[in-house]
Amino acid sequence: MILELQRATHATLQVLSARLVDLDLSPSELNALGNLADGAGRTVSELGAAVGSRPTTLTGVLDRLERRGLIARGARPGDRRAVLITLTDDGAATAAVITRAIADLEADALAGLPAATVDGALAVLRALTEAGR
């Protein structure tokens, strides 16, 4: 099941990249912006955990997003040692496009499945997420 999940993740990011080709963002950049779309700032470690990569790997992604003006880095209130990643206005607009594309892909992929099947899949995904913490 884990390998199938990895395949599905890879395939999903490739489909999103194709649908969002006009944004000129890599799958890793789409993933990072999608995880920031709720508007909550995150530390590099928190974002790394959300996107599934180590902070050192994420640094290059964040560098590119910052150069494009999509994210900003700043100090976390109360902990100046922690770097807080937030969306800029352009980043929020881009993240909204990504979020819509994710919702559309999800609707397309799950359209023919019974609700109980989708609920079961969500339960499995949540259990796997918790097992990794």
Protein backbone atom coordinates (compact mmCIF):
# COMPACT_ATOMS: atom_id res chain seq x y z
CA MET A 1 0.00 0.00 0.00
CA ILE A 2 2.87 2.40 0.78
CA LEU A 3 4.38 2.01 -2.69
CA GLU A 4 0.96 2.59 -4.25
CA LEU A 5 0.63 5.76 -2.17
CA GLN A 6 4.01 6.97 -3.41
CA ARG A 7 3.00 6.25 -7.00
CA ALA A 8 -0.28 8.11 -6.53
CA THR A 9 1.53 11.08 -4.99
CA HIS A 10 4.01 11.23 -7.85
CA ALA A 11 1.26 10.87 -10.47
CA THR A 12 -0.87 13.52 -8.80
CA LEU A 13 1.98 16.03 -8.72
CA GLN A 14 2.73 15.32 -12.39
CA VAL A 15 -0.93 15.87 -13.38
CA LEU A 16 -1.04 19.08 -11.36
CA SER A 17 2.19 20.26 -13.00
CA ALA A 18 0.68 19.62 -16.42
CA ARG A 19 -2.59 21.40 -15.55
CA LEU A 20 -0.68 24.33 -14.05
CA VAL A 21 2.10 24.51 -16.63
CA ASP A 22 1.44 28.23 -17.15
CA LEU A 23 2.56 28.91 -13.57
CA ASP A 24 6.04 27.60 -14.46
CA LEU A 25 6.45 25.89 -11.07
CA SER A 26 8.00 22.52 -10.27
CA PRO A 27 5.96 19.84 -8.49
CA SER A 28 7.88 20.63 -5.29
CA GLU A 29 7.06 24.32 -5.61
CA LEU A 30 3.38 23.54 -6.24
CA ASN A 31 3.38 21.29 -3.18
CA ALA A 32 4.93 23.97 -0.97
CA LEU A 33 2.53 26.68 -2.11
CA GLY A 34 -0.44 24.33 -1.81
CA ASN A 35 0.52 23.62 1.79
CA LEU A 36 0.78 27.35 2.52
CA ALA A 37 -2.55 28.13 0.83
CA ASP A 38 -4.44 28.35 4.11
CA GLY A 39 -2.52 31.55 4.86
CA ALA A 40 -0.91 30.25 8.05
CA GLY A 41 2.81 30.87 8.25
CA ARG A 42 5.01 27.88 8.94
CA THR A 43 8.57 27.35 9.99
CA VAL A 44 10.82 25.57 7.53
CA SER A 45 10.61 22.45 9.70
CA GLU A 46 6.80 22.57 9.82
CA LEU A 47 6.53 23.10 6.08
CA GLY A 48 9.07 20.33 5.46
CA ALA A 49 6.94 17.93 7.50
CA ALA A 50 3.81 18.98 5.59
CA VAL A 51 5.37 18.58 2.14
CA GLY A 52 7.36 15.48 3.04
CA SER A 53 10.90 16.74 2.66
CA ARG A 54 13.79 17.65 4.90
CA PRO A 55 14.39 21.31 5.63
CA THR A 56 17.72 21.18 3.79
CA THR A 57 15.97 19.89 0.66
CA LEU A 58 13.18 22.43 1.03
CA THR A 59 15.62 25.34 1.17
CA GLY A 60 16.21 25.32 -2.59
CA VAL A 61 12.47 25.28 -3.27
CA LEU A 62 11.96 28.19 -0.90
CA ASP A 63 14.85 30.11 -2.46
CA ARG A 64 13.18 29.86 -5.88
CA LEU A 65 9.76 30.84 -4.53
CA GLU A 66 11.24 33.80 -2.69
CA ARG A 67 13.09 35.00 -5.82
CA ARG A 68 9.77 34.93 -7.68
CA GLY A 69 8.11 36.98 -4.95
CA LEU A 70 5.69 34.22 -3.91
CA ILE A 71 6.88 33.75 -0.32
CA ALA A 72 8.59 35.81 2.34
CA ARG A 73 10.86 34.66 5.12
CA GLY A 74 10.79 36.35 8.48
CA ALA A 75 11.35 35.81 12.17
CA ARG A 76 8.74 33.86 14.09
CA PRO A 77 7.19 36.00 16.83
CA GLY A 78 8.61 34.92 20.16
CA ASP A 79 11.40 32.85 18.57
CA ARG A 80 13.73 34.89 16.41
CA ARG A 81 15.84 31.80 15.66
CA ALA A 82 13.00 30.14 13.75
CA VAL A 83 12.39 31.28 10.17
CA LEU A 84 8.70 31.77 9.37
CA ILE A 85 7.55 31.21 5.78
CA THR A 86 4.50 33.21 4.65
CA LEU A 87 2.82 33.86 1.32
CA THR A 88 3.08 37.24 -0.34
CA ASP A 89 0.00 38.66 -2.06
CA ASP A 90 1.20 37.16 -5.36
CA GLY A 91 1.90 33.89 -3.55
CA ALA A 92 -1.60 33.81 -2.07
CA ALA A 93 -3.12 34.37 -5.51
CA THR A 94 -0.96 31.59 -6.98
CA ALA A 95 -1.76 29.27 -4.07
CA ALA A 96 -5.48 29.86 -4.69
CA VAL A 97 -5.05 28.73 -8.31
CA ILE A 98 -3.19 25.63 -7.08
CA THR A 99 -5.87 24.87 -4.49
CA ARG A 100 -8.58 25.10 -7.15
CA ALA A 101 -6.63 22.75 -9.44
CA ILE A 102 -6.20 20.28 -6.57
CA ALA A 103 -9.93 20.37 -5.82
CA ASP A 104 -10.74 19.86 -9.51
CA LEU A 105 -8.32 16.92 -9.81
CA GLU A 106 -9.73 15.35 -6.66
CA ALA A 107 -13.29 15.74 -7.93
CA ASP A 108 -12.34 14.22 -11.30
CA ALA A 109 -10.46 11.29 -9.74
CA LEU A 110 -13.06 10.43 -7.12
CA ALA A 111 -16.24 11.15 -9.09
CA GLY A 112 -17.24 7.53 -9.62
CA LEU A 113 -16.38 6.21 -6.17
CA PRO A 114 -18.94 5.57 -3.44
CA ALA A 115 -18.69 7.91 -0.43
CA ALA A 116 -17.86 4.96 1.86
CA THR A 117 -14.85 4.10 -0.30
CA VAL A 118 -13.57 7.67 -0.16
CA ASP A 119 -14.14 7.78 3.61
CA GLY A 120 -12.20 4.53 4.01
CA ALA A 121 -9.33 5.84 1.92
CA LEU A 122 -9.19 9.01 4.02
CA ALA A 123 -9.06 6.92 7.19
CA VAL A 124 -6.14 4.93 5.80
CA LEU A 125 -4.28 8.08 4.75
CA ARG A 126 -4.78 9.66 8.17
CA ALA A 127 -3.55 6.48 9.91
CA LEU A 128 -0.44 6.43 7.73
CA THR A 129 0.17 10.11 8.43
CA GLU A 130 -0.09 9.53 12.18
CA ALA A 131 2.19 6.48 12.01
CA GLY A 132 4.88 8.71 10.51
CA ARG A 133 4.84 11.16 13.41
